[in-house]
């Protein structure tokens, strides 16, 4: 005799089961009995075997028109929806969430696992919405902490609804985009130019994202498929230089457009330099790094990356940088200042401070006397361009007389008491290949090392002014009254007094007249370093 190991109420009907046990429409249908008894499938396995294929009674629950799934009555579809590979409850919008079972529920490996059929073993710290609801996976993506309110039947704070609280119920119409995020999302406000279209006049996402519905929508990954070219998002042309900015703004007094046009538009009026490459002020992504961190995912405003030594003030919107004269130029133009024509003195003095020695020449002849006229492609390019006129008088004196300079220059170069003193006697003398070389056109007067000039007394100690004889007064460079014959020697020189008494030198008066023995200066042989007397001097004998 065969009996059940668990005592149970005997019923009349087919075999050990009551009539209607296998009839879905009968009140005695076994699913109803199981539901009333806590879905205790363990009792079924007692007779029909652990695999429900027959067991001790030789008749299984699987096959024969009953539970067709190989898992028998433990198949999910036995309780949840139809018996299929991926059964879903028929209540609410389960069908719309068919791939997200484990995002809201803890899917058991076995029907008898804790917190499945009953709430036995449920951990309230894990089952956040109460028994049966366990958020994980997509629901908690990006640190979301969702909950489920059974009273209002709302999901709150899930990643997949971007923090919204939709009601868990079937809807006749699909959820609109703004049920999960704004259209466009708040984070896209600065991309207004990209998310709006004048022709379509409404939001369009397909410029940058795959258009939903699709398998890549709401999957925990922001899918971005950007159009080609920088100007797809900002600016116009190959470089994508604003205006317009990301938000469509074109006013140069607003931060986003600012002075981009002045820096980048090669056709901007009154340019004073070539266009500035974007990478001079920003880190420019390549095609491979356009989606890298710090580009389109960064918050506005754009990052400014200036060369070493330059600074950017994000509050005042000003920069201190070489191309605006650096720290020596004073306050920089504000990025949003629509200043019109740029003035020369915004970057350097007009003329620059180091041009002070030639200020008069610059003011008379203008910058173009030495530099290319503006606008020029070679201006503000870290190279001082000097296509100088190769005539000394272009800068010194006059074109016809370079020595027409203040102080004693002309007295030396066009001397009337000695041979002319060439410029290179006192100064390093450039040739046409090094007019702008070291030591020339640097704002300083350069002297040769052997020229001992005292800037305090404005005098020099050189052979032609009788060398190092400190007892003799020195001529003052800018005082012409201090230069005569006695500047260099006595009249007559002290050594000449020994000639008195010679047959031809009877008294001092003879020596006072230099022409008795020397050629009257000016002469090429006067102050030439050679004391040989000229022909014609009396050949006196003792």
Protein backbone atom coordinates (compact mmCIF):
# COMPACT_ATOMS: atom_id res chain seq x y z
CA UNK A 1 0.00 0.00 0.00
CA UNK A 2 1.32 3.46 -0.93
CA UNK A 3 0.69 6.55 1.19
CA UNK A 4 1.74 10.22 1.35
CA UNK A 5 4.43 11.04 3.85
CA UNK A 6 2.54 14.22 4.81
CA UNK A 7 -0.91 13.77 6.18
CA UNK A 8 -3.52 15.66 4.24
CA UNK A 9 -7.27 15.90 3.97
CA UNK A 10 -8.72 13.17 1.85
CA UNK A 11 -10.89 14.37 -0.97
CA UNK A 12 -13.01 12.62 -3.43
CA UNK A 13 -12.22 12.73 -7.07
CA UNK A 14 -9.70 11.54 -9.59
CA UNK A 15 -7.02 9.50 -7.84
CA UNK A 16 -5.79 11.23 -4.72
CA UNK A 17 -6.76 14.64 -6.14
CA UNK A 18 -10.28 16.04 -6.16
CA UNK A 19 -12.33 16.37 -9.30
CA UNK A 20 -11.40 19.53 -11.17
CA UNK A 21 -7.78 19.46 -9.92
CA UNK A 22 -6.48 19.95 -13.47
CA UNK A 23 -9.32 22.15 -14.74
CA UNK A 24 -8.35 25.82 -14.81
CA UNK A 25 -12.00 26.84 -14.68
CA UNK A 26 -12.87 24.65 -11.73
CA UNK A 27 -12.78 26.08 -8.18
CA UNK A 28 -10.74 23.01 -7.23
CA UNK A 29 -7.97 23.83 -9.72
CA UNK A 30 -4.67 22.92 -8.05
CA UNK A 31 -3.14 26.37 -8.54
CA UNK A 32 -5.80 27.83 -6.26
CA UNK A 33 -5.20 25.14 -3.70
CA UNK A 34 -1.45 25.83 -3.74
CA UNK A 35 -2.01 29.57 -3.41
CA UNK A 36 -4.24 28.94 -0.38
CA UNK A 37 -1.58 26.71 1.15
CA UNK A 38 1.45 28.98 0.64
CA UNK A 39 2.52 27.51 -2.72
CA UNK A 40 4.12 24.60 -0.93
CA UNK A 41 5.58 22.78 -3.94
CA UNK A 42 7.62 20.59 -1.63
CA UNK A 43 4.47 18.55 -1.05
CA UNK A 44 4.14 18.02 -4.82
CA UNK A 45 7.71 16.75 -5.05
CA UNK A 46 6.95 14.14 -2.37
CA UNK A 47 4.85 12.14 -4.80
CA UNK A 48 5.92 13.36 -8.23
CA UNK A 49 9.66 13.41 -7.64
CA UNK A 50 12.25 16.16 -7.27
CA UNK A 51 12.09 16.77 -11.02
CA UNK A 52 8.30 16.46 -11.18
CA UNK A 53 8.64 13.74 -13.83
CA UNK A 54 6.86 10.91 -11.99
CA UNK A 55 8.54 10.03 -8.73
CA UNK A 56 6.87 7.43 -6.53
CA UNK A 57 3.47 7.60 -8.23
CA UNK A 58 4.90 7.25 -11.72
CA UNK A 59 2.98 10.19 -13.08
CA UNK A 60 4.74 13.54 -13.64
CA UNK A 61 3.60 17.15 -13.70
CA UNK A 62 5.64 17.99 -16.79
CA UNK A 63 4.55 16.97 -20.28
CA UNK A 64 1.33 15.15 -21.04
CA UNK A 65 -0.36 18.48 -21.64
CA UNK A 66 0.47 19.87 -18.20
CA UNK A 67 3.58 21.93 -17.39
CA UNK A 68 5.49 21.88 -20.67
CA UNK A 69 8.56 23.79 -19.46
CA UNK A 70 11.42 21.47 -18.52
CA UNK A 71 11.37 23.04 -15.04
CA UNK A 72 7.85 21.83 -14.55
CA UNK A 73 5.71 23.80 -12.10
CA UNK A 74 8.81 25.68 -10.94
CA UNK A 75 8.99 27.55 -14.26
CA UNK A 76 8.49 31.30 -13.73
CA UNK A 77 5.49 31.30 -16.02
CA UNK A 78 3.61 28.96 -13.74
CA UNK A 79 2.85 31.92 -11.49
CA UNK A 80 3.98 34.92 -13.53
CA UNK A 81 2.18 35.32 -16.82
CA UNK A 82 2.17 32.70 -19.55
CA UNK A 83 4.36 29.62 -19.59
CA UNK A 84 7.14 30.79 -21.87
CA UNK A 85 10.89 31.22 -21.86
CA UNK A 86 10.54 34.77 -20.51
CA UNK A 87 7.21 34.92 -18.69
CA UNK A 88 5.94 38.23 -17.38
CA UNK A 89 3.13 39.11 -15.02
CA UNK A 90 0.14 40.46 -16.87
CA UNK A 91 -0.36 43.24 -14.33
CA UNK A 92 0.87 46.77 -14.73
CA UNK A 93 3.56 47.70 -17.28
CA UNK A 94 5.61 44.53 -16.76
CA UNK A 95 5.71 43.98 -20.51
CA UNK A 96 7.42 47.34 -20.99
CA UNK A 97 10.04 46.34 -18.43
CA UNK A 98 10.55 42.78 -19.71
CA UNK A 99 14.35 42.95 -19.78
CA UNK A 100 14.66 44.51 -16.33
CA UNK A 101 13.34 41.78 -13.98
CA UNK A 102 16.48 41.72 -11.85
CA UNK A 103 16.56 45.54 -11.64
CA UNK A 104 13.46 45.51 -9.41
CA UNK A 105 13.30 41.92 -8.10
CA UNK A 106 15.70 39.40 -6.72
CA UNK A 107 15.25 36.61 -9.24
CA UNK A 108 15.68 33.32 -7.33
CA UNK A 109 17.55 30.31 -8.48
CA UNK A 110 14.94 28.07 -6.86
CA UNK A 111 11.28 28.62 -6.17
CA UNK A 112 11.74 27.96 -2.45
CA UNK A 113 14.48 30.57 -1.96
CA UNK A 114 14.01 33.07 0.85
CA UNK A 115 11.89 36.13 0.19
CA UNK A 116 10.27 34.68 -2.93
CA UNK A 117 6.96 32.90 -2.46
CA UNK A 118 6.75 34.25 1.07
CA UNK A 119 8.40 37.09 2.92
CA UNK A 120 10.28 34.65 5.07
CA UNK A 121 13.99 35.52 5.13
CA UNK A 122 13.50 39.01 3.65
CA UNK A 123 16.09 41.54 4.81
CA UNK A 124 14.43 44.96 5.19
CA UNK A 125 17.79 46.61 4.52
CA UNK A 126 17.94 44.91 1.13
CA UNK A 127 14.29 44.59 0.13
CA UNK A 128 13.95 48.37 -0.09
CA UNK A 129 10.36 48.42 -1.27
CA UNK A 130 9.16 45.66 0.99
CA UNK A 131 8.99 41.91 0.27
CA UNK A 132 9.39 41.14 -3.41
CA UNK A 133 11.03 44.44 -4.43
CA UNK A 134 14.82 44.54 -4.52
CA UNK A 135 16.36 47.32 -6.59
CA UNK A 136 19.69 46.63 -8.28
CA UNK A 137 21.37 46.82 -11.68
CA UNK A 138 20.01 49.59 -13.87
CA UNK A 139 17.74 50.94 -11.13
CA UNK A 140 20.72 51.92 -8.94
CA UNK A 141 23.04 53.04 -11.76
CA UNK A 142 25.10 56.20 -11.06
CA UNK A 143 24.50 55.91 -7.31
CA UNK A 144 20.68 56.13 -7.44
CA UNK A 145 18.86 55.06 -4.22
CA UNK A 146 15.32 54.15 -5.31
CA UNK A 147 12.31 53.08 -3.20
CA UNK A 148 8.85 51.70 -4.01
CA UNK A 149 5.73 53.04 -2.31
CA UNK A 150 3.09 50.31 -2.26
CA UNK A 151 0.33 52.69 -1.20
CA UNK A 152 0.79 55.05 -4.16
CA UNK A 153 2.34 52.36 -6.38
CA UNK A 154 5.17 54.70 -7.37
CA UNK A 155 8.86 54.07 -8.08
CA UNK A 156 10.90 56.87 -6.60
CA UNK A 157 14.43 57.90 -7.44
CA UNK A 158 15.38 55.14 -9.89
CA UNK A 159 18.16 55.79 -12.38
CA UNK A 160 15.99 54.66 -15.28
CA UNK A 161 13.41 57.36 -14.55
CA UNK A 162 16.09 59.97 -13.78
CA UNK A 163 14.80 60.52 -10.26
CA UNK A 164 11.12 60.80 -11.25
CA UNK A 165 8.17 59.05 -9.53
CA UNK A 166 6.05 57.31 -12.20
CA UNK A 167 2.99 55.31 -11.10
CA UNK A 168 3.22 51.57 -11.65
CA UNK A 169 0.24 51.08 -13.94
CA UNK A 170 -0.41 50.28 -17.57
CA UNK A 171 -0.65 53.37 -19.75
CA UNK A 172 -2.53 53.74 -22.99
CA UNK A 173 0.09 56.09 -24.36
CA UNK A 174 3.85 55.60 -24.06
CA UNK A 175 5.71 57.75 -21.56
CA UNK A 176 6.78 61.08 -22.97
CA UNK A 177 10.45 62.02 -22.87
CA UNK A 178 9.85 64.47 -20.04
CA UNK A 179 8.54 61.68 -17.81
CA UNK A 180 12.19 60.82 -17.15
CA UNK A 181 14.11 63.95 -18.05
CA UNK A 182 13.46 67.44 -19.29
CA UNK A 183 13.34 67.97 -23.04
CA UNK A 184 16.14 68.77 -23.33
CA UNK A 185 17.57 67.80 -19.90
CA UNK A 186 18.60 70.65 -17.65
CA UNK A 187 22.24 69.72 -18.23
CA UNK A 188 21.72 70.44 -21.94
CA UNK A 189 20.71 74.07 -21.45
CA UNK A 190 24.09 75.26 -22.68
CA UNK A 191 23.69 73.15 -25.84
CA UNK A 192 20.58 75.00 -26.98
CA UNK A 193 22.00 75.68 -30.39
CA UNK A 194 22.46 71.94 -30.91
CA UNK A 195 19.12 70.83 -29.45
CA UNK A 196 16.99 73.33 -31.36
CA UNK A 197 16.52 73.70 -35.05
CA UNK A 198 15.10 76.76 -36.76
CA UNK A 199 13.55 74.73 -39.58
CA UNK A 200 12.05 72.01 -37.39
CA UNK A 201 11.40 74.49 -34.63
CA UNK A 202 11.49 71.92 -31.86
CA UNK A 203 13.73 69.63 -29.86
CA UNK A 204 15.68 67.05 -31.75
CA UNK A 205 17.97 64.57 -30.03
CA UNK A 206 19.19 62.70 -33.08
CA UNK A 207 22.05 65.11 -33.72
CA UNK A 208 24.00 63.52 -30.88
CA UNK A 209 22.07 60.43 -29.70
CA UNK A 210 20.47 57.33 -31.24
CA UNK A 211 16.75 58.08 -31.52
CA UNK A 212 14.62 56.03 -29.07
CA UNK A 213 12.97 53.60 -28.81
CA UNK A 214 15.94 51.34 -29.06
CA UNK A 215 17.99 48.76 -27.24
CA UNK A 216 20.58 51.39 -26.37
CA UNK A 217 18.11 53.72 -24.67
CA UNK A 218 17.95 53.61 -20.86
CA UNK A 219 20.64 50.97 -20.54
CA UNK A 220 22.95 52.66 -18.06
CA UNK A 221 25.15 54.14 -20.76
CA UNK A 222 24.81 57.53 -22.39
CA UNK A 223 25.12 56.77 -26.07
CA UNK A 224 26.55 59.65 -28.05
CA UNK A 225 26.98 59.66 -31.80
CA UNK A 226 28.30 63.12 -32.63
CA UNK A 227 28.25 64.71 -36.06
CA UNK A 228 31.52 65.51 -37.78
CA UNK A 229 33.21 68.87 -37.43
CA UNK A 230 33.69 71.28 -34.53
CA UNK A 231 31.05 73.60 -35.96
CA UNK A 232 28.36 70.96 -35.42
CA UNK A 233 28.20 72.27 -31.85
CA UNK A 234 29.81 75.70 -31.79
CA UNK A 235 30.98 78.34 -34.19
CA UNK A 236 31.17 78.21 -37.93
CA UNK A 237 33.73 76.90 -40.34
CA UNK A 238 36.36 74.23 -39.96
CA UNK A 239 37.70 75.53 -36.63
CA UNK A 240 34.28 75.85 -35.03
CA UNK A 241 35.14 79.23 -33.58
CA UNK A 242 32.24 81.01 -31.86
CA UNK A 243 30.04 82.84 -32.56
CA UNK A 244 27.56 81.33 -32.35
CA UNK A 245 28.29 79.69 -29.00
CA UNK A 246 26.84 76.37 -27.83
CA UNK A 247 23.70 78.14 -26.65
CA UNK A 248 23.35 80.06 -29.92
CA UNK A 249 24.57 83.36 -28.44
CA UNK A 250 26.32 85.72 -30.89
CA UNK A 251 26.71 88.91 -28.81
CA UNK A 252 30.46 89.50 -28.26
CA UNK A 253 29.72 91.21 -24.94
CA UNK A 254 28.50 87.85 -23.59
CA UNK A 255 31.03 85.41 -22.18
CA UNK A 256 30.57 82.48 -24.56
CA UNK A 257 31.06 84.37 -27.86
CA UNK A 258 33.32 87.03 -26.31
CA UNK A 259 36.33 87.96 -28.41
CA UNK A 260 36.54 84.67 -30.33
CA UNK A 261 35.90 86.42 -33.63
CA UNK A 262 38.65 88.98 -33.00
CA UNK A 263 41.10 86.19 -32.26
CA UNK A 264 40.09 83.68 -34.93
CA UNK A 265 38.27 85.31 -37.83
CA UNK A 266 40.91 86.02 -40.51
CA UNK A 267 38.50 88.46 -42.16
CA UNK A 268 37.64 90.45 -39.03
CA UNK A 269 38.13 94.19 -39.71
CA UNK A 270 41.13 96.05 -38.33
CA UNK A 271 43.12 92.94 -37.52
CA UNK A 272 46.57 93.61 -36.04
CA UNK A 273 47.86 90.03 -36.12
CA UNK A 274 47.21 86.64 -37.74
CA UNK A 275 44.39 84.45 -36.34
CA UNK A 276 45.17 82.85 -32.98
CA UNK A 277 44.99 79.02 -33.09
CA UNK A 278 42.41 77.53 -30.72
CA UNK A 279 45.11 75.51 -28.96
CA UNK A 280 46.77 78.74 -27.79
CA UNK A 281 44.06 79.08 -25.13
CA UNK A 282 42.27 75.69 -24.99
CA UNK A 283 43.11 72.02 -24.95
CA UNK A 284 41.69 70.84 -28.27
CA UNK A 285 40.41 67.25 -28.48
CA UNK A 286 41.17 65.11 -31.47
CA UNK A 287 38.50 63.11 -33.27
CA UNK A 288 39.39 60.17 -31.02
CA UNK A 289 39.13 62.16 -27.78
CA UNK A 290 36.11 64.35 -28.47
CA UNK A 291 34.14 62.28 -25.94
CA UNK A 292 36.97 62.23 -23.42
CA UNK A 293 36.42 63.54 -19.91
CA UNK A 294 36.71 67.29 -19.73
CA UNK A 295 35.21 68.12 -23.12
CA UNK A 296 31.47 67.87 -23.75
CA UNK A 297 30.77 66.35 -20.33
CA UNK A 298 32.39 69.23 -18.44
CA UNK A 299 30.35 72.06 -17.00
CA UNK A 300 30.42 75.51 -18.54
CA UNK A 301 32.38 77.68 -18.93
CA UNK A 302 35.07 76.20 -21.13
CA UNK A 303 38.48 75.56 -19.59
CA UNK A 304 41.22 78.04 -20.48
CA UNK A 305 44.75 76.63 -20.79
CA UNK A 306 47.27 79.42 -21.45
CA UNK A 307 51.01 79.08 -22.14
CA UNK A 308 53.38 78.93 -19.19
CA UNK A 309 53.65 82.26 -17.42
CA UNK A 310 50.30 83.56 -18.64
CA UNK A 311 47.30 83.88 -16.33
CA UNK A 312 43.51 83.96 -16.82
CA UNK A 313 41.11 85.57 -14.36
CA UNK A 314 37.77 83.73 -14.74
CA UNK A 315 35.97 86.33 -12.62
CA UNK A 316 37.22 89.48 -14.33
CA UNK A 317 37.46 87.68 -17.70
CA UNK A 318 40.91 89.11 -18.38
CA UNK A 319 44.24 87.50 -19.19
CA UNK A 320 47.84 88.53 -18.69
CA UNK A 321 49.69 87.03 -21.62
CA UNK A 322 52.59 87.86 -23.92
CA UNK A 323 50.44 88.78 -26.92
CA UNK A 324 48.76 91.52 -24.90
CA UNK A 325 52.03 92.93 -23.63
CA UNK A 326 52.27 90.77 -20.51
CA UNK A 327 52.37 92.38 -17.08
CA UNK A 328 53.96 95.56 -18.44
CA UNK A 329 50.97 96.61 -20.52
CA UNK A 330 48.70 97.43 -17.58
CA UNK A 331 45.13 96.14 -17.22
CA UNK A 332 44.19 93.78 -20.01
CA UNK A 333 41.13 94.14 -22.17
CA UNK A 334 38.16 92.20 -20.82
CA UNK A 335 37.20 89.17 -22.91
CA UNK A 336 33.67 90.53 -23.26
CA UNK A 337 34.69 94.09 -24.10
CA UNK A 338 33.61 94.91 -27.62
CA UNK A 339 36.37 97.47 -27.90
CA UNK A 340 36.22 98.28 -31.59
CA UNK A 341 39.54 99.09 -33.22
CA UNK A 342 42.42 97.94 -31.00
CA UNK A 343 44.82 100.74 -30.07
CA UNK A 344 48.58 100.23 -30.24
CA UNK A 345 49.03 101.26 -26.62
CA UNK A 346 46.83 98.36 -25.42
CA UNK A 347 49.84 96.06 -25.72
CA UNK A 348 52.87 98.37 -25.64
CA UNK A 349 53.72 102.02 -25.37
CA UNK A 350 53.33 104.13 -28.48
CA UNK A 351 56.25 104.15 -29.01
CA UNK A 352 57.35 101.40 -26.62
CA UNK A 353 59.39 102.43 -23.60
CA UNK A 354 62.61 101.00 -25.03
CA UNK A 355 62.20 103.32 -28.05
CA UNK A 356 62.70 106.42 -25.89
CA UNK A 357 66.14 107.21 -27.42
CA UNK A 358 64.53 107.36 -30.85
CA UNK A 359 61.16 108.81 -29.80
CA UNK A 360 61.59 111.88 -31.99
CA UNK A 361 62.33 109.73 -35.04
CA UNK A 362 59.34 107.45 -34.36
CA UNK A 363 56.97 110.35 -33.81
CA UNK A 364 58.19 112.05 -36.98
CA UNK A 365 58.36 109.04 -39.30
CA UNK A 366 55.96 106.52 -37.73
CA UNK A 367 56.35 102.83 -36.92
CA UNK A 368 56.42 101.84 -40.59
CA UNK A 369 59.84 103.50 -40.92
CA UNK A 370 61.33 100.36 -39.32
CA UNK A 371 58.49 97.83 -39.08
CA UNK A 372 55.99 96.34 -41.56
CA UNK A 373 52.84 98.40 -41.85
CA UNK A 374 49.72 97.13 -40.06
CA UNK A 375 47.71 95.04 -40.41
CA UNK A 376 50.39 92.45 -41.13
CA UNK A 377 50.60 88.68 -40.89
CA UNK A 378 53.90 89.05 -39.06
CA UNK A 379 52.64 91.27 -36.23
CA UNK A 380 52.28 89.76 -32.72
CA UNK A 381 53.95 86.48 -33.66
CA UNK A 382 56.75 86.43 -31.01
CA UNK A 383 59.22 87.84 -33.54
CA UNK A 384 60.18 91.52 -33.80
CA UNK A 385 60.27 92.22 -37.53
CA UNK A 386 62.72 94.94 -38.57
CA UNK A 387 62.98 95.40 -42.33
CA UNK A 388 65.10 98.47 -41.52
CA UNK A 389 66.24 101.05 -44.07
CA UNK A 390 69.96 100.28 -44.32
CA UNK A 391 71.14 103.86 -44.03
CA UNK A 392 72.58 105.09 -40.71
CA UNK A 393 70.86 108.41 -41.15
CA UNK A 394 67.50 106.62 -41.17
CA UNK A 395 67.75 106.55 -37.39
CA UNK A 396 70.73 108.78 -36.52
CA UNK A 397 70.80 112.44 -37.41
CA UNK A 398 69.40 112.86 -40.91
CA UNK A 399 69.59 110.60 -43.97
CA UNK A 400 72.29 112.88 -45.45
CA UNK A 401 74.17 113.50 -42.19
CA UNK A 402 74.00 110.68 -39.59
CA UNK A 403 76.28 112.75 -37.31
CA UNK A 404 73.79 115.59 -37.04
CA UNK A 405 73.17 114.60 -33.46
CA UNK A 406 73.13 116.49 -30.16
CA UNK A 407 76.18 117.08 -28.00
CA UNK A 408 79.68 116.47 -29.45
CA UNK A 409 78.89 113.91 -32.13
CA UNK A 410 79.32 116.25 -35.07
CA UNK A 411 82.46 117.77 -33.53
CA UNK A 412 84.03 114.32 -33.67
CA UNK A 413 82.70 113.05 -36.97
CA UNK A 414 83.16 116.35 -38.81
CA UNK A 415 86.15 117.63 -36.80
CA UNK A 416 87.86 120.91 -37.72
CA UNK A 417 90.87 120.48 -35.48
CA UNK A 418 91.80 116.89 -36.20
CA UNK A 419 91.05 114.16 -38.58
CA UNK A 420 87.40 112.90 -38.34
CA UNK A 421 86.73 110.28 -35.69
CA UNK A 422 84.84 107.30 -37.22
CA UNK A 423 81.79 106.03 -35.32
CA UNK A 424 83.43 102.64 -34.81
CA UNK A 425 86.21 104.33 -32.78
CA UNK A 426 83.84 104.49 -29.81
CA UNK A 427 80.86 102.28 -30.67
CA UNK A 428 80.34 98.72 -31.90
CA UNK A 429 79.53 99.33 -35.52
CA UNK A 430 76.89 97.04 -37.06
CA UNK A 431 76.75 96.06 -40.65
CA UNK A 432 73.59 95.67 -42.67
CA UNK A 433 73.25 92.03 -41.61
CA UNK A 434 73.06 92.73 -37.91
CA UNK A 435 71.24 96.03 -37.57
CA UNK A 436 68.99 94.43 -35.00
CA UNK A 437 71.71 92.27 -33.46
CA UNK A 438 72.88 92.29 -29.88
CA UNK A 439 74.18 95.69 -28.79
CA UNK A 440 72.26 97.68 -31.40
CA UNK A 441 68.69 99.04 -31.29
CA UNK A 442 68.21 97.94 -27.72
CA UNK A 443 67.55 101.30 -26.12
CA UNK A 444 71.06 101.57 -24.70
CA UNK A 445 74.17 103.38 -25.96
CA UNK A 446 76.91 100.81 -26.42
CA UNK A 447 80.61 101.72 -26.10
CA UNK A 448 83.67 99.67 -26.86
CA UNK A 449 85.40 98.17 -23.83
CA UNK A 450 88.48 100.37 -24.28
CA UNK A 451 86.43 103.55 -24.07
CA UNK A 452 86.54 104.76 -20.45
CA UNK A 453 83.45 106.96 -20.23
CA UNK A 454 82.24 108.33 -16.88
CA UNK A 455 78.45 108.82 -17.09
CA UNK A 456 78.50 110.89 -13.90
CA UNK A 457 80.88 113.56 -15.26
CA UNK A 458 79.95 112.94 -18.92
CA UNK A 459 83.63 112.75 -19.85
CA UNK A 460 85.93 110.07 -21.17
CA UNK A 461 89.57 109.17 -20.53
CA UNK A 462 91.09 108.25 -23.89
CA UNK A 463 94.41 108.80 -25.64
CA UNK A 464 93.06 111.46 -27.97
CA UNK A 465 92.23 113.58 -24.95
CA UNK A 466 95.70 113.01 -23.49
CA UNK A 467 95.04 109.67 -21.90
CA UNK A 468 95.27 109.25 -18.17
CA UNK A 469 96.67 112.69 -17.25
CA UNK A 470 94.25 113.29 -14.38
CA UNK A 471 95.54 116.84 -13.76
CA UNK A 472 94.24 117.98 -17.11
CA UNK A 473 90.54 118.88 -17.21
CA UNK A 474 88.45 116.59 -19.33
CA UNK A 475 86.09 117.88 -22.01
CA UNK A 476 82.43 117.43 -21.11
CA UNK A 477 80.50 115.57 -23.80
CA UNK A 478 77.48 117.84 -23.80
CA UNK A 479 79.43 121.09 -23.06
CA UNK A 480 81.22 122.33 -26.19
CA UNK A 481 82.91 125.14 -24.27
CA UNK A 482 85.18 122.61 -22.56
CA UNK A 483 86.92 121.44 -25.70
CA UNK A 484 89.94 123.38 -27.12
CA UNK A 485 93.63 122.73 -27.73
CA UNK A 486 94.36 122.84 -23.99
CA UNK A 487 91.98 119.93 -23.49
CA UNK A 488 94.71 117.66 -24.81
CA UNK A 489 97.98 119.57 -24.21
CA UNK A 490 99.38 122.88 -23.00
CA UNK A 491 100.13 125.73 -25.38
CA UNK A 492 102.93 125.15 -25.96
CA UNK A 493 103.16 121.65 -24.58
CA UNK A 494 105.31 121.42 -21.48
CA UNK A 495 108.02 119.45 -23.25
CA UNK A 496 108.46 122.16 -25.84
CA UNK A 497 109.98 124.69 -23.41
CA UNK A 498 113.31 122.86 -23.70
CA UNK A 499 113.60 124.12 -27.27
CA UNK A 500 114.09 127.75 -26.12
CA UNK A 501 117.67 128.83 -26.82
CA UNK A 502 117.99 126.91 -30.03
CA UNK A 503 119.10 128.95 -32.99
CA UNK A 504 115.58 129.08 -34.32
CA UNK A 505 113.72 129.17 -31.03
CA UNK A 506 114.88 132.35 -29.42
CA UNK A 507 111.95 132.89 -27.07
CA UNK A 508 108.53 131.60 -25.83
CA UNK A 509 106.65 133.55 -28.50
CA UNK A 510 108.10 131.33 -31.19
CA UNK A 511 106.69 128.24 -29.46
CA UNK A 512 103.27 129.81 -29.00
CA UNK A 513 102.81 129.70 -32.77
CA UNK A 514 102.36 126.02 -33.60
CA UNK A 515 102.59 126.66 -37.32
CA UNK A 516 106.29 127.36 -37.02
CA UNK A 517 106.81 123.63 -36.71
CA UNK A 518 103.50 121.91 -37.51
CA UNK A 519 100.98 121.89 -40.27
CA UNK A 520 98.08 124.05 -39.16
CA UNK A 521 95.10 121.85 -38.14
CA UNK A 522 92.72 120.57 -39.21
CA UNK A 523 94.90 118.06 -40.89
CA UNK A 524 94.69 114.28 -41.46
CA UNK A 525 97.86 113.98 -39.40
CA UNK A 526 96.54 115.81 -36.31
CA UNK A 527 95.54 113.58 -33.43
CA UNK A 528 96.40 110.47 -35.36
CA UNK A 529 98.74 108.81 -32.86
CA UNK A 530 101.87 109.75 -34.78
CA UNK A 531 104.08 112.61 -33.48
CA UNK A 532 106.26 112.83 -36.63
CA UNK A 533 106.63 116.46 -37.61
CA UNK A 534 105.59 117.57 -41.02
CA UNK A 535 108.02 118.82 -43.60
CA UNK A 536 108.75 122.51 -43.26
CA UNK A 537 109.49 122.71 -39.59
CA UNK A 538 112.75 124.54 -38.87
CA UNK A 539 115.62 122.21 -38.48
CA UNK A 540 117.22 123.89 -35.61
CA UNK A 541 120.55 122.73 -34.27
CA UNK A 542 122.11 123.27 -30.84
